């Protein structure tokens, strides 16, 4: 048990853990990453695929994810100009790891979570 507690204490003090958990503090960031899992998409395709995201929220999410090195922007030299966003290797590892684990947990416990968070009537 001591090794586990020591490991947890090291994680708590480690700014890399805070940096990793910050990736999940913005509601739309994991959703945008998941939407890019099956391949690059144009901005309009992302808006269509992600129900309820505003243009501003999508812009902010794309900017943050680009800044973290989780997605890349491909600009095609053609008329009219075309831009696609896709996952980097780092972004793919995040989607295939923690985000997929969270999705699996949600498939099993999502209804219970929503029911528990509903106000009593």
PDB file of N, CA and C in Angstrom:
ATOM      1  N   UNK A   1       0.821  -1.188   0.000  1.00  0.00           N
ATOM      2  CA  UNK A   1       0.000   0.000   0.000  1.00  0.00           C
ATOM      3  C   UNK A   1       0.869   1.257   0.000  1.00  0.00           C
ATOM      4  N   UNK A   2       2.038   1.196   0.642  1.00  0.00           N
ATOM      5  CA  UNK A   2       2.931   2.340   0.720  1.00  0.00           C
ATOM      6  C   UNK A   2       3.392   2.815  -0.644  1.00  0.00           C
ATOM      7  N   UNK A   3       3.739   1.873  -1.539  1.00  0.00           N
ATOM      8  CA  UNK A   3       4.180   2.246  -2.879  1.00  0.00           C
ATOM      9  C   UNK A   3       3.084   2.985  -3.631  1.00  0.00           C
ATOM     10  N   UNK A   4       1.844   2.508  -3.504  1.00  0.00           N
ATOM     11  CA  UNK A   4       0.718   3.151  -4.181  1.00  0.00           C
ATOM     12  C   UNK A   4       0.519   4.569  -3.652  1.00  0.00           C
ATOM     13  N   UNK A   5       0.566   4.737  -2.324  1.00  0.00           N
ATOM     14  CA  UNK A   5       0.394   6.062  -1.726  1.00  0.00           C
ATOM     15  C   UNK A   5       1.528   6.992  -2.134  1.00  0.00           C
ATOM     16  N   UNK A   6       2.747   6.480  -2.166  1.00  0.00           N
ATOM     17  CA  UNK A   6       3.880   7.289  -2.602  1.00  0.00           C
ATOM     18  C   UNK A   6       3.695   7.724  -4.048  1.00  0.00           C
ATOM     19  N   UNK A   7       3.232   6.805  -4.886  1.00  0.00           N
ATOM     20  CA  UNK A   7       2.990   7.119  -6.289  1.00  0.00           C
ATOM     21  C   UNK A   7       1.924   8.206  -6.415  1.00  0.00           C
ATOM     22  N   UNK A   8       0.841   8.096  -5.652  1.00  0.00           N
ATOM     23  CA  UNK A   8      -0.226   9.104  -5.682  1.00  0.00           C
ATOM     24  C   UNK A   8       0.295  10.462  -5.234  1.00  0.00           C
ATOM     25  N   UNK A   9       1.107  10.480  -4.190  1.00  0.00           N
ATOM     26  CA  UNK A   9       1.675  11.739  -3.699  1.00  0.00           C
ATOM     27  C   UNK A   9       2.553  12.390  -4.766  1.00  0.00           C
ATOM     28  N   UNK A  10       3.308  11.580  -5.488  1.00  0.00           N
ATOM     29  CA  UNK A  10       4.145  12.117  -6.561  1.00  0.00           C
ATOM     30  C   UNK A  10       3.280  12.715  -7.662  1.00  0.00           C
ATOM     31  N   UNK A  11       2.176  12.048  -8.003  1.00  0.00           N
ATOM     32  CA  UNK A  11       1.281  12.570  -9.029  1.00  0.00           C
ATOM     33  C   UNK A  11       0.646  13.885  -8.608  1.00  0.00           C
ATOM     34  N   UNK A  12       0.247  13.984  -7.353  1.00  0.00           N
ATOM     35  CA  UNK A  12      -0.378  15.209  -6.854  1.00  0.00           C
ATOM     36  C   UNK A  12       0.578  16.390  -6.990  1.00  0.00           C
ATOM     37  N   UNK A  13       1.845  16.161  -6.743  1.00  0.00           N
ATOM     38  CA  UNK A  13       2.841  17.228  -6.813  1.00  0.00           C
ATOM     39  C   UNK A  13       3.333  17.480  -8.236  1.00  0.00           C
ATOM     40  N   UNK A  14       2.974  16.644  -9.163  1.00  0.00           N
ATOM     41  CA  UNK A  14       3.493  16.698 -10.527  1.00  0.00           C
ATOM     42  C   UNK A  14       2.634  17.619 -11.394  1.00  0.00           C
ATOM     43  N   UNK A  15       3.232  18.671 -11.928  1.00  0.00           N
ATOM     44  CA  UNK A  15       2.461  19.597 -12.755  1.00  0.00           C
ATOM     45  C   UNK A  15       2.012  18.947 -14.064  1.00  0.00           C
ATOM     46  N   UNK A  16       2.635  17.836 -14.457  1.00  0.00           N
ATOM     47  CA  UNK A  16       2.186  17.137 -15.668  1.00  0.00           C
ATOM     48  C   UNK A  16       0.793  16.560 -15.472  1.00  0.00           C
ATOM     49  N   UNK A  17       0.471  16.116 -14.258  1.00  0.00           N
ATOM     50  CA  UNK A  17      -0.876  15.624 -13.977  1.00  0.00           C
ATOM     51  C   UNK A  17      -1.886  16.754 -14.116  1.00  0.00           C
ATOM     52  N   UNK A  18      -1.544  17.924 -13.591  1.00  0.00           N
ATOM     53  CA  UNK A  18      -2.455  19.067 -13.727  1.00  0.00           C
ATOM     54  C   UNK A  18      -2.624  19.439 -15.195  1.00  0.00           C
ATOM     55  N   UNK A  19      -1.544  19.405 -15.951  1.00  0.00           N
ATOM     56  CA  UNK A  19      -1.630  19.723 -17.380  1.00  0.00           C
ATOM     57  C   UNK A  19      -2.525  18.724 -18.102  1.00  0.00           C
ATOM     58  N   UNK A  20      -2.411  17.457 -17.746  1.00  0.00           N
ATOM     59  CA  UNK A  20      -3.243  16.425 -18.385  1.00  0.00           C
ATOM     60  C   UNK A  20      -4.709  16.579 -17.999  1.00  0.00           C
ATOM     61  N   UNK A  21      -4.985  16.836 -16.726  1.00  0.00           N
ATOM     62  CA  UNK A  21      -6.390  16.973 -16.316  1.00  0.00           C
ATOM     63  C   UNK A  21      -7.002  18.254 -16.866  1.00  0.00           C
ATOM     64  N   UNK A  22      -6.189  19.269 -17.122  1.00  0.00           N
ATOM     65  CA  UNK A  22      -6.700  20.496 -17.741  1.00  0.00           C
ATOM     66  C   UNK A  22      -7.295  20.227 -19.121  1.00  0.00           C
ATOM     67  N   UNK A  23      -6.842  19.166 -19.778  1.00  0.00           N
ATOM     68  CA  UNK A  23      -7.374  18.831 -21.101  1.00  0.00           C
ATOM     69  C   UNK A  23      -8.854  18.475 -21.044  1.00  0.00           C
ATOM     70  N   UNK A  24      -9.349  18.141 -19.857  1.00  0.00           N
ATOM     71  CA  UNK A  24     -10.748  17.748 -19.712  1.00  0.00           C
ATOM     72  C   UNK A  24     -11.599  18.824 -19.042  1.00  0.00           C
ATOM     73  N   UNK A  25     -11.018  19.982 -18.745  1.00  0.00           N
ATOM     74  CA  UNK A  25     -11.784  21.023 -18.065  1.00  0.00           C
ATOM     75  C   UNK A  25     -12.645  21.831 -19.021  1.00  0.00           C
ATOM     76  N   UNK A  26     -12.327  21.810 -20.286  1.00  0.00           N
ATOM     77  CA  UNK A  26     -13.132  22.515 -21.280  1.00  0.00           C
ATOM     78  C   UNK A  26     -14.095  21.510 -21.910  1.00  0.00           C
ATOM     79  N   UNK A  27     -15.359  21.778 -21.772  1.00  0.00           N
ATOM     80  CA  UNK A  27     -16.415  20.841 -22.160  1.00  0.00           C
ATOM     81  C   UNK A  27     -16.245  20.288 -23.564  1.00  0.00           C
ATOM     82  N   UNK A  28     -15.910  21.134 -24.510  1.00  0.00           N
ATOM     83  CA  UNK A  28     -15.932  20.708 -25.905  1.00  0.00           C
ATOM     84  C   UNK A  28     -14.642  20.055 -26.375  1.00  0.00           C
ATOM     85  N   UNK A  29     -13.538  20.237 -25.679  1.00  0.00           N
ATOM     86  CA  UNK A  29     -12.254  19.719 -26.168  1.00  0.00           C
ATOM     87  C   UNK A  29     -12.256  18.204 -26.378  1.00  0.00           C
ATOM     88  N   UNK A  30     -12.666  17.396 -25.395  1.00  0.00           N
ATOM     89  CA  UNK A  30     -12.702  15.946 -25.632  1.00  0.00           C
ATOM     90  C   UNK A  30     -13.694  15.552 -26.729  1.00  0.00           C
ATOM     91  N   UNK A  31     -14.770  16.328 -26.853  1.00  0.00           N
ATOM     92  CA  UNK A  31     -15.778  16.036 -27.883  1.00  0.00           C
ATOM     93  C   UNK A  31     -15.189  16.281 -29.272  1.00  0.00           C
ATOM     94  N   UNK A  32     -14.464  17.380 -29.434  1.00  0.00           N
ATOM     95  CA  UNK A  32     -13.818  17.675 -30.719  1.00  0.00           C
ATOM     96  C   UNK A  32     -12.783  16.601 -31.042  1.00  0.00           C
ATOM     97  N   UNK A  33     -11.994  16.207 -30.056  1.00  0.00           N
ATOM     98  CA  UNK A  33     -11.012  15.142 -30.283  1.00  0.00           C
ATOM     99  C   UNK A  33     -11.694  13.856 -30.728  1.00  0.00           C
ATOM    100  N   UNK A  34     -12.773  13.490 -30.059  1.00  0.00           N
ATOM    101  CA  UNK A  34     -13.497  12.268 -30.426  1.00  0.00           C
ATOM    102  C   UNK A  34     -14.069  12.379 -31.836  1.00  0.00           C
ATOM    103  N   UNK A  35     -14.530  13.569 -32.216  1.00  0.00           N
ATOM    104  CA  UNK A  35     -15.093  13.771 -33.558  1.00  0.00           C
ATOM    105  C   UNK A  35     -14.031  13.628 -34.642  1.00  0.00           C
ATOM    106  N   UNK A  36     -12.784  13.830 -34.285  1.00  0.00           N
ATOM    107  CA  UNK A  36     -11.685  13.701 -35.254  1.00  0.00           C
ATOM    108  C   UNK A  36     -11.074  12.304 -35.269  1.00  0.00           C
ATOM    109  N   UNK A  37     -11.583  11.418 -34.444  1.00  0.00           N
ATOM    110  CA  UNK A  37     -10.984  10.089 -34.309  1.00  0.00           C
ATOM    111  C   UNK A  37     -11.008   9.285 -35.604  1.00  0.00           C
ATOM    112  N   UNK A  38     -12.043   9.437 -36.397  1.00  0.00           N
ATOM    113  CA  UNK A  38     -12.150   8.651 -37.634  1.00  0.00           C
ATOM    114  C   UNK A  38     -11.496   9.314 -38.834  1.00  0.00           C
ATOM    115  N   UNK A  39     -10.778  10.395 -38.606  1.00  0.00           N
ATOM    116  CA  UNK A  39     -10.066  11.038 -39.697  1.00  0.00           C
ATOM    117  C   UNK A  39     -10.282  12.538 -39.718  1.00  0.00           C
ATOM    118  N   UNK A  40      -9.465  13.227 -40.525  1.00  0.00           N
ATOM    119  CA  UNK A  40      -9.542  14.685 -40.601  1.00  0.00           C
ATOM    120  C   UNK A  40     -10.917  15.161 -41.073  1.00  0.00           C
ATOM    121  N   UNK A  41     -11.281  16.341 -40.594  1.00  0.00           N
ATOM    122  CA  UNK A  41     -12.562  16.944 -40.980  1.00  0.00           C
ATOM    123  C   UNK A  41     -12.384  18.442 -41.166  1.00  0.00           C
ATOM    124  N   UNK A  42     -13.243  18.968 -42.021  1.00  0.00           N
ATOM    125  CA  UNK A  42     -13.318  20.415 -42.177  1.00  0.00           C
ATOM    126  C   UNK A  42     -14.112  20.983 -41.013  1.00  0.00           C
ATOM    127  N   UNK A  43     -13.949  22.262 -40.816  1.00  0.00           N
ATOM    128  CA  UNK A  43     -14.636  22.951 -39.722  1.00  0.00           C
ATOM    129  C   UNK A  43     -16.150  22.763 -39.791  1.00  0.00           C
ATOM    130  N   UNK A  44     -16.711  22.910 -40.976  1.00  0.00           N
ATOM    131  CA  UNK A  44     -18.168  22.754 -41.132  1.00  0.00           C
ATOM    132  C   UNK A  44     -18.606  21.322 -40.824  1.00  0.00           C
ATOM    133  N   UNK A  45     -17.778  20.357 -41.159  1.00  0.00           N
ATOM    134  CA  UNK A  45     -18.096  18.959 -40.844  1.00  0.00           C
ATOM    135  C   UNK A  45     -18.073  18.722 -39.335  1.00  0.00           C
ATOM    136  N   UNK A  46     -17.146  19.374 -38.659  1.00  0.00           N
ATOM    137  CA  UNK A  46     -17.097  19.256 -37.198  1.00  0.00           C
ATOM    138  C   UNK A  46     -18.354  19.845 -36.565  1.00  0.00           C
ATOM    139  N   UNK A  47     -18.763  21.010 -37.043  1.00  0.00           N
ATOM    140  CA  UNK A  47     -19.976  21.646 -36.483  1.00  0.00           C
ATOM    141  C   UNK A  47     -21.192  20.771 -36.701  1.00  0.00           C
ATOM    142  N   UNK A  48     -21.280  20.133 -37.853  1.00  0.00           N
ATOM    143  CA  UNK A  48     -22.409  19.244 -38.136  1.00  0.00           C
ATOM    144  C   UNK A  48     -22.352  18.000 -37.255  1.00  0.00           C
ATOM    145  N   UNK A  49     -21.164  17.441 -37.099  1.00  0.00           N
ATOM    146  CA  UNK A  49     -21.004  16.205 -36.328  1.00  0.00           C
ATOM    147  C   UNK A  49     -21.233  16.418 -34.834  1.00  0.00           C
ATOM    148  N   UNK A  50     -20.893  17.611 -34.349  1.00  0.00           N
ATOM    149  CA  UNK A  50     -21.003  17.902 -32.915  1.00  0.00           C
ATOM    150  C   UNK A  50     -22.251  18.738 -32.694  1.00  0.00           C
ATOM    151  N   UNK A  51     -23.294  18.129 -32.251  1.00  0.00           N
ATOM    152  CA  UNK A  51     -24.537  18.853 -32.012  1.00  0.00           C
ATOM    153  C   UNK A  51     -24.404  19.835 -30.866  1.00  0.00           C
ATOM    154  N   UNK A  52     -24.873  21.056 -31.085  1.00  0.00           N
ATOM    155  CA  UNK A  52     -24.958  22.031 -30.012  1.00  0.00           C
ATOM    156  C   UNK A  52     -23.733  22.886 -29.780  1.00  0.00           C
ATOM    157  N   UNK A  53     -22.674  22.693 -30.539  1.00  0.00           N
ATOM    158  CA  UNK A  53     -21.480  23.518 -30.333  1.00  0.00           C
ATOM    159  C   UNK A  53     -21.625  24.809 -31.130  1.00  0.00           C
ATOM    160  N   UNK A  54     -21.346  25.927 -30.486  1.00  0.00           N
ATOM    161  CA  UNK A  54     -21.403  27.218 -31.173  1.00  0.00           C
ATOM    162  C   UNK A  54     -20.123  27.418 -31.979  1.00  0.00           C
ATOM    163  N   UNK A  55     -20.176  28.352 -32.914  1.00  0.00           N
ATOM    164  CA  UNK A  55     -19.002  28.654 -33.722  1.00  0.00           C
ATOM    165  C   UNK A  55     -17.860  29.150 -32.834  1.00  0.00           C
ATOM    166  N   UNK A  56     -18.193  29.984 -31.855  1.00  0.00           N
ATOM    167  CA  UNK A  56     -17.182  30.507 -30.933  1.00  0.00           C
ATOM    168  C   UNK A  56     -16.548  29.383 -30.113  1.00  0.00           C
ATOM    169  N   UNK A  57     -17.365  28.490 -29.585  1.00  0.00           N
ATOM    170  CA  UNK A  57     -16.842  27.378 -28.776  1.00  0.00           C
ATOM    171  C   UNK A  57     -15.950  26.468 -29.617  1.00  0.00           C
ATOM    172  N   UNK A  58     -16.332  26.224 -30.873  1.00  0.00           N
ATOM    173  CA  UNK A  58     -15.511  25.390 -31.754  1.00  0.00           C
ATOM    174  C   UNK A  58     -14.178  26.074 -32.039  1.00  0.00           C
ATOM    175  N   UNK A  59     -14.221  27.372 -32.335  1.00  0.00           N
ATOM    176  CA  UNK A  59     -12.989  28.126 -32.590  1.00  0.00           C
ATOM    177  C   UNK A  59     -12.049  28.049 -31.398  1.00  0.00           C
ATOM    178  N   UNK A  60     -12.588  28.260 -30.198  1.00  0.00           N
ATOM    179  CA  UNK A  60     -11.767  28.217 -28.986  1.00  0.00           C
ATOM    180  C   UNK A  60     -11.194  26.823 -28.742  1.00  0.00           C
ATOM    181  N   UNK A  61     -12.009  25.797 -28.951  1.00  0.00           N
ATOM    182  CA  UNK A  61     -11.538  24.423 -28.753  1.00  0.00           C
ATOM    183  C   UNK A  61     -10.424  24.090 -29.746  1.00  0.00           C
ATOM    184  N   UNK A  62     -10.621  24.423 -31.015  1.00  0.00           N
ATOM    185  CA  UNK A  62      -9.594  24.150 -32.023  1.00  0.00           C
ATOM    186  C   UNK A  62      -8.295  24.873 -31.674  1.00  0.00           C
ATOM    187  N   UNK A  63      -8.402  26.114 -31.235  1.00  0.00           N
ATOM    188  CA  UNK A  63      -7.214  26.892 -30.869  1.00  0.00           C
ATOM    189  C   UNK A  63      -6.468  26.237 -29.702  1.00  0.00           C
ATOM    190  N   UNK A  64      -7.207  25.829 -28.667  1.00  0.00           N
ATOM    191  CA  UNK A  64      -6.568  25.178 -27.509  1.00  0.00           C
ATOM    192  C   UNK A  64      -5.910  23.863 -27.908  1.00  0.00           C
ATOM    193  N   UNK A  65      -6.632  23.058 -28.685  1.00  0.00           N
ATOM    194  CA  UNK A  65      -6.118  21.740 -29.068  1.00  0.00           C
ATOM    195  C   UNK A  65      -4.897  21.856 -29.972  1.00  0.00           C
ATOM    196  N   UNK A  66      -4.893  22.854 -30.860  1.00  0.00           N
ATOM    197  CA  UNK A  66      -3.703  23.121 -31.675  1.00  0.00           C
ATOM    198  C   UNK A  66      -2.532  23.514 -30.777  1.00  0.00           C
ATOM    199  N   UNK A  67      -2.797  24.373 -29.798  1.00  0.00           N
ATOM    200  CA  UNK A  67      -1.761  24.836 -28.878  1.00  0.00           C
ATOM    201  C   UNK A  67      -1.170  23.729 -28.025  1.00  0.00           C
ATOM    202  N   UNK A  68      -1.971  22.719 -27.720  1.00  0.00           N
ATOM    203  CA  UNK A  68      -1.490  21.581 -26.924  1.00  0.00           C
ATOM    204  C   UNK A  68      -0.833  20.503 -27.794  1.00  0.00           C
ATOM    205  N   UNK A  69      -0.845  20.698 -29.109  1.00  0.00           N
ATOM    206  CA  UNK A  69      -0.239  19.710 -29.998  1.00  0.00           C
ATOM    207  C   UNK A  69      -1.067  18.452 -30.171  1.00  0.00           C
ATOM    208  N   UNK A  70      -2.373  18.539 -29.882  1.00  0.00           N
ATOM    209  CA  UNK A  70      -3.250  17.371 -29.990  1.00  0.00           C
ATOM    210  C   UNK A  70      -3.892  17.242 -31.363  1.00  0.00           C
ATOM    211  N   UNK A  71      -4.011  18.362 -32.075  1.00  0.00           N
ATOM    212  CA  UNK A  71      -4.530  18.334 -33.441  1.00  0.00           C
ATOM    213  C   UNK A  71      -3.596  19.148 -34.327  1.00  0.00           C
ATOM    214  N   UNK A  72      -3.736  18.934 -35.619  1.00  0.00           N
ATOM    215  CA  UNK A  72      -2.979  19.716 -36.587  1.00  0.00           C
ATOM    216  C   UNK A  72      -3.933  20.256 -37.636  1.00  0.00           C
ATOM    217  N   UNK A  73      -3.515  21.341 -38.239  1.00  0.00           N
ATOM    218  CA  UNK A  73      -4.335  22.035 -39.235  1.00  0.00           C
ATOM    219  C   UNK A  73      -3.654  21.868 -40.586  1.00  0.00           C
ATOM    220  N   UNK A  74      -4.402  21.351 -41.545  1.00  0.00           N
ATOM    221  CA  UNK A  74      -3.869  21.174 -42.900  1.00  0.00           C
ATOM    222  C   UNK A  74      -4.583  22.148 -43.827  1.00  0.00           C
ATOM    223  N   UNK A  75      -3.804  23.005 -44.460  1.00  0.00           N
ATOM    224  CA  UNK A  75      -4.367  23.953 -45.412  1.00  0.00           C
ATOM    225  C   UNK A  75      -4.015  23.475 -46.809  1.00  0.00           C
ATOM    226  N   UNK A  76      -5.031  23.357 -47.643  1.00  0.00           N
ATOM    227  CA  UNK A  76      -4.842  22.890 -49.010  1.00  0.00           C
ATOM    228  C   UNK A  76      -4.800  24.089 -49.950  1.00  0.00           C
ATOM    229  N   UNK A  77      -3.817  24.109 -50.841  1.00  0.00           N
ATOM    230  CA  UNK A  77      -3.665  25.200 -51.798  1.00  0.00           C
ATOM    231  C   UNK A  77      -4.592  24.958 -52.978  1.00  0.00           C
ATOM    232  N   UNK A  78      -5.797  25.432 -52.838  1.00  0.00           N
ATOM    233  CA  UNK A  78      -6.786  25.297 -53.904  1.00  0.00           C
ATOM    234  C   UNK A  78      -7.794  26.422 -53.758  1.00  0.00           C
ATOM    235  N   UNK A  79      -8.580  26.609 -54.781  1.00  0.00           N
ATOM    236  CA  UNK A  79      -9.630  27.626 -54.734  1.00  0.00           C
ATOM    237  C   UNK A  79     -10.979  26.929 -54.809  1.00  0.00           C
ATOM    238  N   UNK A  80     -11.865  27.200 -53.912  1.00  0.00           N
ATOM    239  CA  UNK A  80     -11.683  28.022 -52.716  1.00  0.00           C
ATOM    240  C   UNK A  80     -10.782  27.315 -51.707  1.00  0.00           C
ATOM    241  N   UNK A  81     -10.186  28.098 -50.807  1.00  0.00           N
ATOM    242  CA  UNK A  81      -9.279  27.497 -49.821  1.00  0.00           C
ATOM    243  C   UNK A  81      -9.988  26.439 -48.978  1.00  0.00           C
ATOM    244  N   UNK A  82      -9.253  25.402 -48.634  1.00  0.00           N
ATOM    245  CA  UNK A  82      -9.815  24.332 -47.808  1.00  0.00           C
ATOM    246  C   UNK A  82      -8.867  24.046 -46.653  1.00  0.00           C
ATOM    247  N   UNK A  83      -9.439  23.907 -45.458  1.00  0.00           N
ATOM    248  CA  UNK A  83      -8.668  23.601 -44.256  1.00  0.00           C
ATOM    249  C   UNK A  83      -9.304  22.401 -43.584  1.00  0.00           C
ATOM    250  N   UNK A  84      -8.475  21.458 -43.171  1.00  0.00           N
ATOM    251  CA  UNK A  84      -8.948  20.303 -42.406  1.00  0.00           C
ATOM    252  C   UNK A  84      -8.156  20.210 -41.110  1.00  0.00           C
ATOM    253  N   UNK A  85      -8.814  19.662 -40.110  1.00  0.00           N
ATOM    254  CA  UNK A  85      -8.183  19.421 -38.820  1.00  0.00           C
ATOM    255  C   UNK A  85      -8.114  17.920 -38.602  1.00  0.00           C
ATOM    256  N   UNK A  86      -6.995  17.465 -38.064  1.00  0.00           N
ATOM    257  CA  UNK A  86      -6.828  16.045 -37.779  1.00  0.00           C
ATOM    258  C   UNK A  86      -6.044  15.849 -36.498  1.00  0.00           C
ATOM    259  N   UNK A  87      -6.129  14.658 -35.965  1.00  0.00           N
ATOM    260  CA  UNK A  87      -5.407  14.327 -34.739  1.00  0.00           C
ATOM    261  C   UNK A  87      -3.920  14.145 -35.018  1.00  0.00           C
ATOM    262  N   UNK A  88      -3.102  14.577 -34.084  1.00  0.00           N
ATOM    263  CA  UNK A  88      -1.680  14.250 -34.113  1.00  0.00           C
ATOM    264  C   UNK A  88      -1.512  12.877 -33.443  1.00  0.00           C
ATOM    265  N   UNK A  89      -0.307  12.380 -33.421  1.00  0.00           N
ATOM    266  CA  UNK A  89      -0.040  11.118 -32.720  1.00  0.00           C
ATOM    267  C   UNK A  89      -0.399  11.266 -31.244  1.00  0.00           C
ATOM    268  N   UNK A  90      -0.051  12.408 -30.661  1.00  0.00           N
ATOM    269  CA  UNK A  90      -0.379  12.664 -29.256  1.00  0.00           C
ATOM    270  C   UNK A  90      -1.896  12.696 -29.048  1.00  0.00           C
ATOM    271  N   UNK A  91      -2.608  13.362 -29.954  1.00  0.00           N
ATOM    272  CA  UNK A  91      -4.067  13.420 -29.857  1.00  0.00           C
ATOM    273  C   UNK A  91      -4.709  12.054 -30.007  1.00  0.00           C
ATOM    274  N   UNK A  92      -4.193  11.254 -30.925  1.00  0.00           N
ATOM    275  CA  UNK A  92      -4.710   9.898 -31.112  1.00  0.00           C
ATOM    276  C   UNK A  92      -4.513   9.069 -29.854  1.00  0.00           C
ATOM    277  N   UNK A  93      -3.358   9.223 -29.210  1.00  0.00           N
ATOM    278  CA  UNK A  93      -3.115   8.455 -27.981  1.00  0.00           C
ATOM    279  C   UNK A  93      -4.065   8.886 -26.866  1.00  0.00           C
ATOM    280  N   UNK A  94      -4.435  10.156 -26.836  1.00  0.00           N
ATOM    281  CA  UNK A  94      -5.389  10.629 -25.826  1.00  0.00           C
ATOM    282  C   UNK A  94      -6.785  10.072 -26.094  1.00  0.00           C
ATOM    283  N   UNK A  95      -7.191  10.058 -27.365  1.00  0.00           N
ATOM    284  CA  UNK A  95      -8.515   9.521 -27.711  1.00  0.00           C
ATOM    285  C   UNK A  95      -8.555   8.016 -27.479  1.00  0.00           C
ATOM    286  N   UNK A  96      -7.527   7.300 -27.924  1.00  0.00           N
ATOM    287  CA  UNK A  96      -7.515   5.840 -27.781  1.00  0.00           C
ATOM    288  C   UNK A  96      -7.327   5.381 -26.337  1.00  0.00           C
ATOM    289  N   UNK A  97      -6.781   6.244 -25.498  1.00  0.00           N
ATOM    290  CA  UNK A  97      -6.542   5.894 -24.096  1.00  0.00           C
ATOM    291  C   UNK A  97      -7.625   6.425 -23.177  1.00  0.00           C
ATOM    292  N   UNK A  98      -7.371   7.565 -22.526  1.00  0.00           N
ATOM    293  CA  UNK A  98      -8.309   8.076 -21.519  1.00  0.00           C
ATOM    294  C   UNK A  98      -9.708   8.391 -22.041  1.00  0.00           C
ATOM    295  N   UNK A  99      -9.817   8.960 -23.237  1.00  0.00           N
ATOM    296  CA  UNK A  99     -11.157   9.311 -23.727  1.00  0.00           C
ATOM    297  C   UNK A  99     -11.959   8.052 -24.030  1.00  0.00           C
ATOM    298  N   UNK A 100     -11.332   7.041 -24.611  1.00  0.00           N
ATOM    299  CA  UNK A 100     -12.036   5.777 -24.863  1.00  0.00           C
ATOM    300  C   UNK A 100     -12.418   5.103 -23.551  1.00  0.00           C
ATOM    301  N   UNK A 101     -11.546   5.162 -22.553  1.00  0.00           N
ATOM    302  CA  UNK A 101     -11.879   4.598 -21.235  1.00  0.00           C
ATOM    303  C   UNK A 101     -13.064   5.327 -20.621  1.00  0.00           C
ATOM    304  N   UNK A 102     -13.081   6.649 -20.754  1.00  0.00           N
ATOM    305  CA  UNK A 102     -14.201   7.424 -20.233  1.00  0.00           C
ATOM    306  C   UNK A 102     -15.485   7.090 -20.994  1.00  0.00           C
ATOM    307  N   UNK A 103     -15.380   6.929 -22.301  1.00  0.00           N
ATOM    308  CA  UNK A 103     -16.557   6.574 -23.101  1.00  0.00           C
ATOM    309  C   UNK A 103     -17.118   5.219 -22.672  1.00  0.00           C
ATOM    310  N   UNK A 104     -16.237   4.282 -22.398  1.00  0.00           N
ATOM    311  CA  UNK A 104     -16.677   2.963 -21.928  1.00  0.00           C
ATOM    312  C   UNK A 104     -17.374   3.083 -20.573  1.00  0.00           C
ATOM    313  N   UNK A 105     -16.818   3.875 -19.687  1.00  0.00           N
ATOM    314  CA  UNK A 105     -17.431   4.090 -18.372  1.00  0.00           C
ATOM    315  C   UNK A 105     -18.814   4.727 -18.534  1.00  0.00           C
ATOM    316  N   UNK A 106     -18.920   5.695 -19.445  1.00  0.00           N
ATOM    317  CA  UNK A 106     -20.199   6.373 -19.688  1.00  0.00           C
ATOM    318  C   UNK A 106     -21.225   5.393 -20.248  1.00  0.00           C
ATOM    319  N   UNK A 107     -20.798   4.492 -21.139  1.00  0.00           N
ATOM    320  CA  UNK A 107     -21.735   3.497 -21.680  1.00  0.00           C
ATOM    321  C   UNK A 107     -22.326   2.643 -20.562  1.00  0.00           C
ATOM    322  N   UNK A 108     -21.535   2.366 -19.547  1.00  0.00           N
ATOM    323  CA  UNK A 108     -21.999   1.529 -18.440  1.00  0.00           C
ATOM    324  C   UNK A 108     -22.732   2.310 -17.354  1.00  0.00           C
ATOM    325  N   UNK A 109     -22.335   3.554 -17.114  1.00  0.00           N
ATOM    326  CA  UNK A 109     -22.841   4.282 -15.948  1.00  0.00           C
ATOM    327  C   UNK A 109     -23.509   5.617 -16.273  1.00  0.00           C
ATOM    328  N   UNK A 110     -23.595   5.982 -17.531  1.00  0.00           N
ATOM    329  CA  UNK A 110     -24.131   7.290 -17.904  1.00  0.00           C
ATOM    330  C   UNK A 110     -25.548   7.539 -17.436  1.00  0.00           C
ATOM    331  N   UNK A 111     -26.428   6.556 -17.593  1.00  0.00           N
ATOM    332  CA  UNK A 111     -27.819   6.730 -17.159  1.00  0.00           C
ATOM    333  C   UNK A 111     -27.906   6.928 -15.652  1.00  0.00           C
ATOM    334  N   UNK A 112     -27.125   6.162 -14.910  1.00  0.00           N
ATOM    335  CA  UNK A 112     -27.108   6.297 -13.451  1.00  0.00           C
ATOM    336  C   UNK A 112     -26.588   7.673 -13.046  1.00  0.00           C
ATOM    337  N   UNK A 113     -25.550   8.134 -13.725  1.00  0.00           N
ATOM    338  CA  UNK A 113     -24.988   9.448 -13.436  1.00  0.00           C
ATOM    339  C   UNK A 113     -26.016  10.546 -13.679  1.00  0.00           C
ATOM    340  N   UNK A 114     -26.706  10.488 -14.818  1.00  0.00           N
ATOM    341  CA  UNK A 114     -27.717  11.500 -15.122  1.00  0.00           C
ATOM    342  C   UNK A 114     -28.872  11.451 -14.138  1.00  0.00           C
ATOM    343  N   UNK A 115     -29.308  10.254 -13.794  1.00  0.00           N
ATOM    344  CA  UNK A 115     -30.417  10.113 -12.842  1.00  0.00           C
ATOM    345  C   UNK A 115     -30.034  10.670 -11.475  1.00  0.00           C
ATOM    346  N   UNK A 116     -28.811  10.446 -11.062  1.00  0.00           N
ATOM    347  CA  UNK A 116     -28.364  10.931  -9.756  1.00  0.00           C
ATOM    348  C   UNK A 116     -28.242  12.450  -9.722  1.00  0.00           C
ATOM    349  N   UNK A 117     -27.980  13.062 -10.874  1.00  0.00           N
ATOM    350  CA  UNK A 117     -27.795  14.513 -10.900  1.00  0.00           C
ATOM    351  C   UNK A 117     -29.096  15.275 -11.126  1.00  0.00           C
ATOM    352  N   UNK A 118     -30.197  14.556 -11.372  1.00  0.00           N
ATOM    353  CA  UNK A 118     -31.490  15.222 -11.548  1.00  0.00           C
ATOM    354  C   UNK A 118     -32.005  15.694 -10.197  1.00  0.00           C
ATOM    355  N   UNK A 119     -32.560  16.904 -10.167  1.00  0.00           N
ATOM    356  CA  UNK A 119     -33.102  17.394  -8.895  1.00  0.00           C
ATOM    357  C   UNK A 119     -34.317  16.571  -8.473  1.00  0.00           C
ATOM    358  N   UNK A 120     -34.457  16.402  -7.172  1.00  0.00           N
ATOM    359  CA  UNK A 120     -35.626  15.687  -6.643  1.00  0.00           C
ATOM    360  C   UNK A 120     -36.875  16.519  -6.895  1.00  0.00           C
ATOM    361  N   UNK A 121     -37.943  15.848  -7.278  1.00  0.00           N
ATOM    362  CA  UNK A 121     -39.191  16.578  -7.526  1.00  0.00           C
ATOM    363  C   UNK A 121     -40.209  16.286  -6.467  1.00  0.00           C
TER     364      UNK A 121
END
